[in-house]
């Protein structure tokens, strides 16, 4: 195993602030062996991080790797290549695959495939069998195989009794139920945010209440059961305010926001841009402002990519027929760093990608500490670059950010003490 010495970087370490600032980091045998100033090590590969940020490897608790079933769009391996190029060393894959991840056999398939991945891939199990919202999946055996949470993402568990039982089980197994909050009766056939713009474009809209109604229900069920509820891809002001109030009396509730809901509004769909079609849909400017406030005050626990690869043929099928979703691993951190202009600090941003998601999942990740696994990202905040289609490492290219000029980029990613990406 190669010995690596990161020199002169500025360490940002949200859950271990005693080890921060300019320092050197020595990595040996997959672990961080020393953090100090002016380390000298013979036979070590030197990474000169002068002028750069060094922080724990990023964690994404919401992504879609498409395997099994749609390997033409992404695989666990190609998804991991895309992830490490964006600084991620741990990603969670959602269970809306074909077949879904709703049994120990399916979980074992993911774990086996992930052995060859360039980062850690943690499976999320389905809440219900076949993600049909009717019968609970076998949680116990899936936990034994390695799932870190449960979700029917892509669909909402519409039956309140089934959701109640899921939250009751979450107390026993100590894994979060990750809720895709969408009242399907209100959102049915909708393709974008409901409002004046959807009317002018002649497209069926999805009202914000389709989300907030189910957020309110799941908060009530979490309070009833004491279950661990994680609300994913919150997108509207009303939902966030409910979460803010609920957190004051219920410590079992957490939530995340997708990066695209922080830097785009519904205006991105003008011209019928299918790469801006996503679920939940892009919302209003007031919602973006509210979400950023939620990041600042700690209401939102983490930022996710909701990396959702789709083929060009599918995305080119017209706005109403195109699938929801965009890729996100390779742009997430650079886009998040732009929010410094809106009042977030670099330390807050890094927390939302590291110790925040680690706390939600209850995993020992998201920290650079002596004796711990060496998952580390090196980021150059000064470099300017353009996100180009030909540079994308994901199998799919469905992103509204292609052609966008950005500042700040991941230059090196280290996973288990091994350099898995270097620009």
Protein backbone atom coordinates (compact mmCIF):
# COMPACT_ATOMS: atom_id res chain seq x y z
CA UNK A 1 0.00 0.00 0.00
CA UNK A 2 1.40 3.37 -1.04
CA UNK A 3 2.34 5.86 1.66
CA UNK A 4 0.84 9.30 0.90
CA UNK A 5 1.77 12.66 2.41
CA UNK A 6 -0.53 15.63 1.82
CA UNK A 7 1.54 18.79 2.38
CA UNK A 8 0.56 22.39 3.16
CA UNK A 9 -3.22 22.00 2.73
CA UNK A 10 -5.88 23.84 4.74
CA UNK A 11 -7.72 21.07 6.60
CA UNK A 12 -11.47 21.56 7.15
CA UNK A 13 -12.80 18.98 9.59
CA UNK A 14 -16.36 19.74 10.76
CA UNK A 15 -16.61 16.92 13.33
CA UNK A 16 -13.01 17.20 14.58
CA UNK A 17 -12.32 20.92 14.76
CA UNK A 18 -9.28 20.36 16.99
CA UNK A 19 -7.53 19.18 13.80
CA UNK A 20 -8.07 22.05 11.38
CA UNK A 21 -6.03 24.72 9.64
CA UNK A 22 -2.80 24.44 7.67
CA UNK A 23 -1.17 21.09 8.27
CA UNK A 24 0.27 17.94 6.74
CA UNK A 25 -1.51 14.57 6.68
CA UNK A 26 0.31 11.26 6.49
CA UNK A 27 -1.58 8.22 5.20
CA UNK A 28 -0.34 4.66 5.73
CA UNK A 29 -2.07 1.28 5.43
CA UNK A 30 -5.49 2.73 4.51
CA UNK A 31 -5.59 5.00 7.57
CA UNK A 32 -4.59 8.50 8.63
CA UNK A 33 -1.48 7.86 10.70
CA UNK A 34 -0.51 11.44 11.56
CA UNK A 35 -1.83 15.00 11.35
CA UNK A 36 0.74 17.66 12.18
CA UNK A 37 2.83 20.49 10.80
CA UNK A 38 5.95 19.83 8.76
CA UNK A 39 5.77 16.04 8.51
CA UNK A 40 8.62 14.33 6.70
CA UNK A 41 8.17 10.79 5.41
CA UNK A 42 10.54 8.75 3.30
CA UNK A 43 9.15 6.88 0.31
CA UNK A 44 5.82 8.73 0.49
CA UNK A 45 3.98 10.08 -2.55
CA UNK A 46 3.75 13.83 -1.98
CA UNK A 47 0.59 15.76 -2.77
CA UNK A 48 1.29 19.49 -2.59
CA UNK A 49 -1.99 21.03 -1.44
CA UNK A 50 -0.73 24.57 -0.93
CA UNK A 51 -3.61 27.00 -1.42
CA UNK A 52 -6.13 24.14 -1.41
CA UNK A 53 -8.76 22.83 0.96
CA UNK A 54 -8.40 19.32 2.37
CA UNK A 55 -11.44 17.71 3.97
CA UNK A 56 -13.15 14.35 4.58
CA UNK A 57 -14.33 12.44 1.52
CA UNK A 58 -17.82 13.57 0.57
CA UNK A 59 -20.88 11.44 1.35
CA UNK A 60 -23.99 11.32 -0.84
CA UNK A 61 -26.97 9.60 0.75
CA UNK A 62 -29.19 9.83 -2.33
CA UNK A 63 -28.09 8.62 -5.76
CA UNK A 64 -29.28 6.27 -8.51
CA UNK A 65 -26.73 3.89 -10.01
CA UNK A 66 -29.28 2.05 -12.22
CA UNK A 67 -27.79 -1.41 -11.72
CA UNK A 68 -29.49 -3.86 -12.01
CA UNK A 69 -31.76 -3.21 -14.97
CA UNK A 70 -30.52 -0.08 -16.75
CA UNK A 71 -26.81 -0.65 -17.19
CA UNK A 72 -27.04 1.34 -20.44
CA UNK A 73 -27.54 4.47 -18.29
CA UNK A 74 -25.12 3.74 -15.44
CA UNK A 75 -23.49 0.93 -13.53
CA UNK A 76 -22.18 0.77 -9.99
CA UNK A 77 -18.65 0.98 -11.36
CA UNK A 78 -19.18 3.88 -13.79
CA UNK A 79 -21.21 5.68 -11.14
CA UNK A 80 -18.31 5.32 -8.72
CA UNK A 81 -15.91 6.81 -11.30
CA UNK A 82 -18.21 9.81 -11.66
CA UNK A 83 -18.56 10.07 -7.87
CA UNK A 84 -14.85 10.13 -7.03
CA UNK A 85 -14.20 12.76 -9.70
CA UNK A 86 -16.59 14.95 -7.72
CA UNK A 87 -14.89 14.19 -4.40
CA UNK A 88 -17.32 11.55 -3.11
CA UNK A 89 -15.91 8.53 -1.29
CA UNK A 90 -19.24 7.17 0.00
CA UNK A 91 -22.50 7.03 -1.98
CA UNK A 92 -25.84 5.42 -1.20
CA UNK A 93 -27.78 3.90 -4.08
CA UNK A 94 -31.56 4.05 -4.11
CA UNK A 95 -33.61 0.87 -4.63
CA UNK A 96 -35.68 1.86 -7.67
CA UNK A 97 -33.83 -0.58 -9.88
CA UNK A 98 -35.16 -3.47 -11.98
CA UNK A 99 -35.72 -5.60 -9.98
CA UNK A 100 -35.82 -3.32 -6.91
CA UNK A 101 -33.56 -3.76 -3.88
CA UNK A 102 -36.24 -5.32 -1.69
CA UNK A 103 -34.68 -8.61 -0.53
CA UNK A 104 -31.43 -9.94 0.88
CA UNK A 105 -30.58 -11.42 -2.53
CA UNK A 106 -30.88 -8.01 -4.17
CA UNK A 107 -28.81 -6.38 -1.43
CA UNK A 108 -26.12 -9.03 -1.75
CA UNK A 109 -25.98 -8.34 -5.51
CA UNK A 110 -25.25 -4.65 -4.83
CA UNK A 111 -22.64 -5.45 -2.18
CA UNK A 112 -20.89 -7.91 -4.52
CA UNK A 113 -20.90 -5.47 -7.45
CA UNK A 114 -19.60 -2.68 -5.20
CA UNK A 115 -16.40 -4.61 -4.41
CA UNK A 116 -14.93 -3.33 -7.68
CA UNK A 117 -16.16 0.25 -7.22
CA UNK A 118 -13.75 3.15 -6.73
CA UNK A 119 -15.66 4.36 -3.66
CA UNK A 120 -17.86 2.89 -0.96
CA UNK A 121 -21.35 2.05 -2.23
CA UNK A 122 -24.00 1.55 0.45
CA UNK A 123 -27.40 0.17 -0.58
CA UNK A 124 -30.72 1.64 0.50
CA UNK A 125 -33.41 -1.05 0.77
CA UNK A 126 -37.01 -0.64 -0.37
CA UNK A 127 -39.65 0.21 2.22
CA UNK A 128 -42.16 -2.11 0.56
CA UNK A 129 -42.04 -5.24 -1.58
CA UNK A 130 -41.51 -4.30 -5.24
CA UNK A 131 -41.89 -0.66 -4.11
CA UNK A 132 -45.65 -1.05 -4.48
CA UNK A 133 -46.52 0.59 -1.16
CA UNK A 134 -48.52 -2.37 0.11
CA UNK A 135 -46.41 -4.89 2.04
CA UNK A 136 -43.30 -4.15 4.09
CA UNK A 137 -40.06 -5.57 2.73
CA UNK A 138 -37.98 -7.94 4.95
CA UNK A 139 -36.04 -5.27 6.87
CA UNK A 140 -34.15 -7.55 9.25
CA UNK A 141 -32.48 -9.70 6.62
CA UNK A 142 -31.66 -6.68 4.46
CA UNK A 143 -29.96 -4.95 7.40
CA UNK A 144 -27.89 -8.08 7.99
CA UNK A 145 -26.74 -7.90 4.37
CA UNK A 146 -25.72 -4.25 4.65
CA UNK A 147 -28.50 -1.72 3.92
CA UNK A 148 -28.18 1.60 5.75
CA UNK A 149 -31.74 2.87 5.30
CA UNK A 150 -35.06 2.26 3.58
CA UNK A 151 -36.87 4.19 0.86
CA UNK A 152 -39.36 3.72 -1.95
CA UNK A 153 -37.78 6.74 -3.64
CA UNK A 154 -39.36 7.53 -6.95
CA UNK A 155 -42.68 6.71 -5.34
CA UNK A 156 -44.35 7.78 -2.13
CA UNK A 157 -45.77 5.27 0.34
CA UNK A 158 -49.33 6.53 0.01
CA UNK A 159 -50.85 4.16 2.60
CA UNK A 160 -50.43 5.86 5.99
CA UNK A 161 -50.75 2.58 7.90
CA UNK A 162 -47.92 1.02 5.89
CA UNK A 163 -45.77 4.09 6.53
CA UNK A 164 -46.59 3.88 10.23
CA UNK A 165 -45.41 0.28 10.38
CA UNK A 166 -42.22 1.17 8.52
CA UNK A 167 -41.42 3.88 11.06
CA UNK A 168 -42.16 1.49 13.93
CA UNK A 169 -39.64 -0.97 12.50
CA UNK A 170 -37.09 1.83 12.07
CA UNK A 171 -37.01 2.22 15.85
CA UNK A 172 -36.02 -1.40 16.31
CA UNK A 173 -33.45 -1.66 13.55
CA UNK A 174 -32.06 1.86 14.08
CA UNK A 175 -32.07 2.73 10.38
CA UNK A 176 -33.83 5.77 8.88
CA UNK A 177 -36.90 5.58 6.69
CA UNK A 178 -36.16 7.94 3.81
CA UNK A 179 -39.40 9.46 2.61
CA UNK A 180 -40.09 10.55 -0.95
CA UNK A 181 -42.84 13.03 -0.06
CA UNK A 182 -45.24 13.28 -2.97
CA UNK A 183 -49.02 13.02 -2.92
CA UNK A 184 -49.46 11.10 -6.16
CA UNK A 185 -53.08 12.15 -6.44
CA UNK A 186 -52.04 15.81 -6.62
CA UNK A 187 -48.95 15.33 -8.77
CA UNK A 188 -50.39 12.81 -11.26
CA UNK A 189 -49.35 13.62 -14.85
CA UNK A 190 -47.58 16.78 -13.71
CA UNK A 191 -44.21 17.58 -15.29
CA UNK A 192 -43.08 20.87 -13.69
CA UNK A 193 -43.88 23.29 -10.88
CA UNK A 194 -47.45 24.51 -10.95
CA UNK A 195 -47.77 28.24 -11.48
CA UNK A 196 -47.94 31.00 -14.04
CA UNK A 197 -44.99 29.59 -15.99
CA UNK A 198 -46.52 26.11 -16.36
CA UNK A 199 -49.73 27.74 -17.58
CA UNK A 200 -47.89 29.82 -20.17
CA UNK A 201 -45.95 26.77 -21.35
CA UNK A 202 -49.09 24.66 -21.58
CA UNK A 203 -47.70 21.99 -19.23
CA UNK A 204 -49.47 20.24 -16.36
CA UNK A 205 -48.08 21.51 -13.07
CA UNK A 206 -47.25 19.88 -9.74
CA UNK A 207 -48.36 22.05 -6.80
CA UNK A 208 -46.05 22.57 -3.83
CA UNK A 209 -48.78 21.04 -1.66
CA UNK A 210 -48.12 17.63 -3.27
CA UNK A 211 -44.92 17.66 -1.24
CA UNK A 212 -45.90 19.58 1.88
CA UNK A 213 -49.02 17.49 2.58
CA UNK A 214 -46.96 14.28 2.72
CA UNK A 215 -44.19 15.95 4.72
CA UNK A 216 -46.82 16.92 7.28
CA UNK A 217 -48.20 13.36 7.36
CA UNK A 218 -44.81 11.74 7.82
CA UNK A 219 -43.82 14.17 10.56
CA UNK A 220 -47.05 13.27 12.39
CA UNK A 221 -46.35 9.54 11.97
CA UNK A 222 -42.79 9.95 13.23
CA UNK A 223 -44.09 11.67 16.33
CA UNK A 224 -46.68 8.92 16.82
CA UNK A 225 -44.19 6.07 16.45
CA UNK A 226 -40.89 7.57 17.59
CA UNK A 227 -39.46 6.25 14.32
CA UNK A 228 -36.44 7.62 12.48
CA UNK A 229 -37.69 9.74 9.59
CA UNK A 230 -35.47 11.31 6.95
CA UNK A 231 -37.22 13.58 4.46
CA UNK A 232 -35.31 13.63 1.20
CA UNK A 233 -35.06 16.30 -1.54
CA UNK A 234 -37.16 18.92 0.28
CA UNK A 235 -37.96 21.59 -2.29
CA UNK A 236 -40.56 24.04 -1.00
CA UNK A 237 -40.69 26.67 1.73
CA UNK A 238 -43.80 25.19 3.37
CA UNK A 239 -42.17 21.80 3.83
CA UNK A 240 -39.05 23.31 5.35
CA UNK A 241 -41.03 25.34 7.85
CA UNK A 242 -42.83 22.18 8.98
CA UNK A 243 -39.50 20.43 9.47
CA UNK A 244 -38.10 23.40 11.39
CA UNK A 245 -41.01 23.33 13.84
CA UNK A 246 -40.99 19.54 14.14
CA UNK A 247 -37.29 19.35 14.95
CA UNK A 248 -37.83 21.42 18.07
CA UNK A 249 -39.84 18.60 19.66
CA UNK A 250 -38.71 15.50 17.74
CA UNK A 251 -35.02 14.60 17.49
CA UNK A 252 -35.76 11.65 15.17
CA UNK A 253 -36.38 13.84 12.11
CA UNK A 254 -33.73 14.82 9.57
CA UNK A 255 -33.90 16.13 6.02
CA UNK A 256 -31.81 16.91 2.95
CA UNK A 257 -31.97 19.11 -0.11
CA UNK A 258 -30.72 18.31 -3.62
CA UNK A 259 -28.03 20.63 -4.97
CA UNK A 260 -30.07 21.54 -8.05
CA UNK A 261 -32.91 22.89 -5.89
CA UNK A 262 -30.41 25.35 -4.40
CA UNK A 263 -29.08 26.83 -7.62
CA UNK A 264 -31.91 26.58 -10.17
CA UNK A 265 -35.51 27.76 -10.32
CA UNK A 266 -38.42 26.74 -12.53
CA UNK A 267 -37.13 29.24 -15.10
CA UNK A 268 -34.57 26.62 -16.14
CA UNK A 269 -37.30 24.65 -17.95
CA UNK A 270 -37.99 27.52 -20.36
CA UNK A 271 -37.49 26.35 -23.90
CA UNK A 272 -38.80 22.94 -22.77
CA UNK A 273 -35.34 21.93 -21.52
CA UNK A 274 -35.77 18.29 -20.49
CA UNK A 275 -32.46 18.37 -18.61
CA UNK A 276 -34.19 20.67 -16.14
CA UNK A 277 -37.09 18.25 -15.62
CA UNK A 278 -36.77 16.62 -12.22
CA UNK A 279 -38.79 15.33 -9.28
CA UNK A 280 -39.53 17.24 -7.15
CA UNK A 281 -39.68 19.88 -9.87
CA UNK A 282 -37.60 23.03 -9.76
CA UNK A 283 -39.49 25.58 -7.72
CA UNK A 284 -39.78 29.35 -7.19
CA UNK A 285 -37.06 31.81 -6.20
CA UNK A 286 -38.68 32.21 -2.76
CA UNK A 287 -38.26 28.47 -2.20
CA UNK A 288 -34.55 28.66 -3.08
CA UNK A 289 -34.12 31.53 -0.60
CA UNK A 290 -35.93 29.53 2.10
CA UNK A 291 -33.80 26.43 1.47
CA UNK A 292 -30.56 28.38 1.77
CA UNK A 293 -31.81 29.84 5.04
CA UNK A 294 -32.48 26.26 6.16
CA UNK A 295 -28.87 25.37 5.43
CA UNK A 296 -27.61 28.32 7.46
CA UNK A 297 -29.72 27.65 10.54
CA UNK A 298 -29.16 23.88 10.59
CA UNK A 299 -32.70 22.82 9.70
CA UNK A 300 -31.32 20.94 6.68
CA UNK A 301 -28.87 18.20 7.66
CA UNK A 302 -27.16 17.51 4.36
CA UNK A 303 -26.96 18.21 0.64
CA UNK A 304 -27.46 15.34 -1.84
CA UNK A 305 -26.90 14.98 -5.56
CA UNK A 306 -29.95 12.84 -6.44
CA UNK A 307 -27.68 11.66 -9.28
CA UNK A 308 -30.18 10.25 -11.79
CA UNK A 309 -28.69 9.15 -15.12
CA UNK A 310 -30.90 8.88 -18.22
CA UNK A 311 -30.12 8.16 -21.85
CA UNK A 312 -30.16 10.91 -24.46
CA UNK A 313 -32.90 9.06 -26.32
CA UNK A 314 -35.19 9.16 -23.27
CA UNK A 315 -34.43 12.78 -22.46
CA UNK A 316 -35.00 13.65 -26.12
CA UNK A 317 -38.54 12.27 -26.16
CA UNK A 318 -40.22 15.65 -25.56
CA UNK A 319 -40.84 17.39 -22.26
CA UNK A 320 -44.00 15.54 -21.28
CA UNK A 321 -42.53 12.11 -22.07
CA UNK A 322 -38.98 12.60 -20.81
CA UNK A 323 -38.07 11.02 -17.46
CA UNK A 324 -37.36 13.08 -14.35
CA UNK A 325 -33.80 13.54 -13.12
CA UNK A 326 -30.28 14.80 -13.81
CA UNK A 327 -26.74 13.62 -13.08
CA UNK A 328 -24.96 15.40 -10.25
CA UNK A 329 -21.80 13.83 -8.81
CA UNK A 330 -19.30 15.83 -10.85
CA UNK A 331 -20.76 19.31 -10.28
CA UNK A 332 -22.28 19.17 -6.78
CA UNK A 333 -19.40 20.54 -4.73
CA UNK A 334 -18.42 23.28 -7.16
CA UNK A 335 -22.04 24.42 -7.32
CA UNK A 336 -22.34 24.34 -3.54
CA UNK A 337 -19.23 26.48 -3.16
CA UNK A 338 -21.03 29.20 -5.14
CA UNK A 339 -23.36 29.57 -2.15
CA UNK A 340 -20.62 31.41 -0.29
CA UNK A 341 -21.96 34.43 -2.17
CA UNK A 342 -25.29 33.84 -0.40
CA UNK A 343 -23.81 33.75 3.09
CA UNK A 344 -22.74 30.14 3.67
CA UNK A 345 -19.22 29.51 4.92
CA UNK A 346 -16.91 26.90 3.42
CA UNK A 347 -17.07 25.06 6.76
CA UNK A 348 -20.88 24.91 6.63
CA UNK A 349 -20.80 23.60 3.06
CA UNK A 350 -18.30 20.86 3.88
CA UNK A 351 -20.30 19.80 6.96
CA UNK A 352 -23.38 19.34 4.76
CA UNK A 353 -21.47 16.90 2.54
CA UNK A 354 -19.54 15.04 5.27
CA UNK A 355 -20.38 14.83 8.97
CA UNK A 356 -24.00 15.84 8.29
CA UNK A 357 -24.91 12.83 6.12
CA UNK A 358 -22.72 10.54 8.28
CA UNK A 359 -24.82 11.51 11.29
CA UNK A 360 -28.07 10.88 9.41
CA UNK A 361 -26.95 7.36 8.50
CA UNK A 362 -25.17 6.63 11.79
CA UNK A 363 -21.92 5.64 10.06
CA UNK A 364 -18.32 6.37 11.07
CA UNK A 365 -17.38 8.54 8.14
CA UNK A 366 -17.04 12.25 7.46
CA UNK A 367 -13.95 12.99 9.56
CA UNK A 368 -10.18 13.16 9.08
CA UNK A 369 -8.71 11.73 12.26
CA UNK A 370 -5.62 9.79 13.24
CA UNK A 371 -6.34 6.07 13.23
CA UNK A 372 -9.43 6.39 11.03
CA UNK A 373 -9.95 5.28 7.45
CA UNK A 374 -8.29 7.68 5.02
CA UNK A 375 -11.15 9.02 2.90
CA UNK A 376 -9.98 12.48 1.85
CA UNK A 377 -10.77 15.07 -0.82
CA UNK A 378 -8.43 17.83 -2.01
CA UNK A 379 -10.18 20.84 -3.56
CA UNK A 380 -8.66 23.81 -5.38
CA UNK A 381 -10.93 26.83 -4.70
CA UNK A 382 -9.20 29.09 -7.20
CA UNK A 383 -9.29 27.12 -10.44
CA UNK A 384 -11.87 28.14 -13.04
CA UNK A 385 -13.29 25.54 -15.39
CA UNK A 386 -16.17 24.82 -17.75
CA UNK A 387 -18.34 21.73 -17.35
CA UNK A 388 -18.14 20.07 -20.77
CA UNK A 389 -20.11 17.12 -22.05
CA UNK A 390 -17.02 15.37 -23.37
CA UNK A 391 -15.42 15.41 -19.89
CA UNK A 392 -18.33 13.73 -18.07
CA UNK A 393 -17.38 10.36 -16.56
CA UNK A 394 -20.94 9.19 -15.97
CA UNK A 395 -22.41 6.99 -18.70
CA UNK A 396 -25.23 9.52 -19.06
CA UNK A 397 -24.90 13.21 -19.91
CA UNK A 398 -28.24 14.64 -18.76
CA UNK A 399 -27.26 17.85 -16.98
CA UNK A 400 -28.56 21.42 -17.27
CA UNK A 401 -25.11 22.66 -16.16
CA UNK A 402 -23.22 21.67 -19.32
CA UNK A 403 -21.39 24.74 -20.59
CA UNK A 404 -21.51 26.47 -17.21
CA UNK A 405 -18.35 28.21 -15.99
CA UNK A 406 -17.48 27.27 -12.41
CA UNK A 407 -14.85 28.19 -9.86
CA UNK A 408 -13.28 25.58 -7.60
CA UNK A 409 -12.74 21.93 -8.47
CA UNK A 410 -11.78 18.62 -6.90
CA UNK A 411 -8.18 17.75 -7.81
CA UNK A 412 -7.59 14.56 -5.80
CA UNK A 413 -9.79 11.97 -4.11
CA UNK A 414 -8.40 9.35 -1.73
CA UNK A 415 -10.45 6.33 -0.66
CA UNK A 416 -9.14 3.83 1.90
CA UNK A 417 -5.69 5.33 1.60
CA UNK A 418 -5.58 4.92 -2.19
CA UNK A 419 -5.66 7.69 -4.78
CA UNK A 420 -8.80 6.88 -6.78
CA UNK A 421 -8.95 10.14 -8.70
CA UNK A 422 -6.36 12.75 -9.64
CA UNK A 423 -6.83 15.61 -12.02
